[in-house]
């Protein structure tokens, strides 16, 4: 008889804990749903915008640029990975600037 009562009390305790946790979870979800503001819809501008790509790779080697190594050409700044690439660029700068711009890369303007 004693074991039967212990099992019943244990089962009842587990059931109460499970139901209690479900009730708490439901209340928290309702509270967060009430606190979350409704999403606003923004109208997109009528004119299409073009995303500009900045230079992240060396035009000679295709590796990551070092912002301390650069050359200025016709008001535009071109960055390189090393000084050797800068020397190759100076041999025919128009060619490399055109290649970068054809890829959609917008070169930085030379600071004044």
Protein backbone atom coordinates (compact mmCIF):
# COMPACT_ATOMS: atom_id res chain seq x y z
CA UNK A 1 0.00 0.00 0.00
CA UNK A 2 2.82 2.38 0.90
CA UNK A 3 4.57 1.86 -2.45
CA UNK A 4 1.35 2.48 -4.33
CA UNK A 5 0.92 5.83 -2.54
CA UNK A 6 4.53 6.83 -3.24
CA UNK A 7 4.13 6.03 -6.92
CA UNK A 8 0.87 7.99 -7.07
CA UNK A 9 2.38 11.02 -5.33
CA UNK A 10 5.46 10.87 -7.55
CA UNK A 11 3.34 10.64 -10.71
CA UNK A 12 1.10 13.45 -9.49
CA UNK A 13 4.13 15.65 -8.72
CA UNK A 14 5.61 15.05 -12.16
CA UNK A 15 2.29 15.85 -13.82
CA UNK A 16 1.96 19.10 -11.85
CA UNK A 17 5.51 20.12 -12.74
CA UNK A 18 4.96 19.43 -16.44
CA UNK A 19 1.65 21.31 -16.53
CA UNK A 20 3.16 24.16 -14.54
CA UNK A 21 6.09 24.51 -16.94
CA UNK A 22 3.73 24.51 -19.91
CA UNK A 23 1.63 27.23 -18.33
CA UNK A 24 4.71 29.36 -17.60
CA UNK A 25 6.03 28.94 -21.14
CA UNK A 26 2.69 29.98 -22.59
CA UNK A 27 2.55 33.10 -20.41
CA UNK A 28 6.06 34.15 -21.41
CA UNK A 29 5.27 33.75 -25.08
CA UNK A 30 2.16 35.90 -24.72
CA UNK A 31 4.10 38.57 -22.81
CA UNK A 32 6.85 38.79 -25.43
CA UNK A 33 4.30 38.84 -28.21
CA UNK A 34 2.57 41.78 -26.57
CA UNK A 35 5.83 43.69 -26.01
CA UNK A 36 7.12 43.19 -29.56
CA UNK A 37 6.08 46.16 -31.70
CA UNK A 38 4.33 45.49 -34.95
CA UNK A 39 6.68 45.59 -37.94
CA UNK A 40 6.45 48.71 -40.03
CA UNK A 41 6.42 48.61 -43.76
CA UNK A 42 8.72 51.03 -45.50
CA UNK A 43 8.19 52.06 -49.05
CA UNK A 44 11.15 51.57 -51.30
CA UNK A 45 12.37 54.64 -53.18
CA UNK A 46 11.01 55.01 -56.69
CA UNK A 47 14.46 55.47 -58.21
CA UNK A 48 16.65 52.40 -58.38
CA UNK A 49 19.82 52.59 -56.35
CA UNK A 50 23.05 50.96 -57.38
CA UNK A 51 25.23 49.39 -54.76
CA UNK A 52 28.83 50.43 -55.01
CA UNK A 53 31.58 47.91 -54.56
CA UNK A 54 34.77 49.07 -52.89
CA UNK A 55 38.19 47.76 -53.77
CA UNK A 56 39.22 44.84 -51.55
CA UNK A 57 41.67 43.00 -53.82
CA UNK A 58 44.87 43.96 -55.60
CA UNK A 59 44.29 44.61 -59.33
CA UNK A 60 47.56 42.83 -60.19
CA UNK A 61 47.63 39.73 -57.97
CA UNK A 62 44.01 39.50 -56.83
CA UNK A 63 45.03 39.18 -53.18
CA UNK A 64 43.91 41.26 -50.18
CA UNK A 65 44.97 44.92 -50.36
CA UNK A 66 47.24 46.78 -47.94
CA UNK A 67 45.83 50.31 -47.50
CA UNK A 68 49.34 51.67 -46.91
CA UNK A 69 50.39 50.75 -50.48
CA UNK A 70 48.53 52.79 -53.10
CA UNK A 71 48.85 54.90 -56.23
CA UNK A 72 46.78 57.86 -57.36
CA UNK A 73 45.71 58.07 -61.00
CA UNK A 74 43.47 60.78 -62.44
CA UNK A 75 41.92 61.61 -59.08
CA UNK A 76 41.34 57.97 -58.16
CA UNK A 77 43.17 55.97 -55.52
CA UNK A 78 44.11 52.35 -56.26
CA UNK A 79 45.35 50.03 -53.49
CA UNK A 80 47.79 47.12 -53.83
CA UNK A 81 49.00 44.15 -51.85
CA UNK A 82 52.69 45.10 -52.16
CA UNK A 83 55.10 47.65 -53.69
CA UNK A 84 55.97 45.32 -56.59
CA UNK A 85 52.33 45.41 -57.76
CA UNK A 86 52.35 49.18 -57.50
CA UNK A 87 55.33 49.27 -59.87
CA UNK A 88 53.51 47.02 -62.38
CA UNK A 89 50.45 49.27 -62.15
CA UNK A 90 52.50 52.39 -62.89
CA UNK A 91 53.62 50.83 -66.20
CA UNK A 92 50.00 50.94 -67.54
CA UNK A 93 47.61 52.49 -65.00
CA UNK A 94 44.72 53.10 -67.43
CA UNK A 95 44.50 49.37 -68.17
CA UNK A 96 44.13 48.39 -64.51
CA UNK A 97 41.72 51.21 -63.62
CA UNK A 98 39.50 50.16 -66.53
CA UNK A 99 39.59 46.53 -65.38
CA UNK A 100 38.52 47.52 -61.86
CA UNK A 101 35.73 49.78 -63.10
CA UNK A 102 34.49 47.11 -65.53
CA UNK A 103 34.06 44.80 -62.52
CA UNK A 104 31.81 47.43 -60.93
CA UNK A 105 34.36 48.59 -58.38
CA UNK A 106 34.15 52.27 -57.46
CA UNK A 107 37.61 53.59 -56.68
CA UNK A 108 38.10 56.05 -53.85
CA UNK A 109 38.69 59.66 -54.71
CA UNK A 110 42.08 61.09 -53.85
CA UNK A 111 41.73 63.04 -50.59
CA UNK A 112 42.47 66.73 -50.84
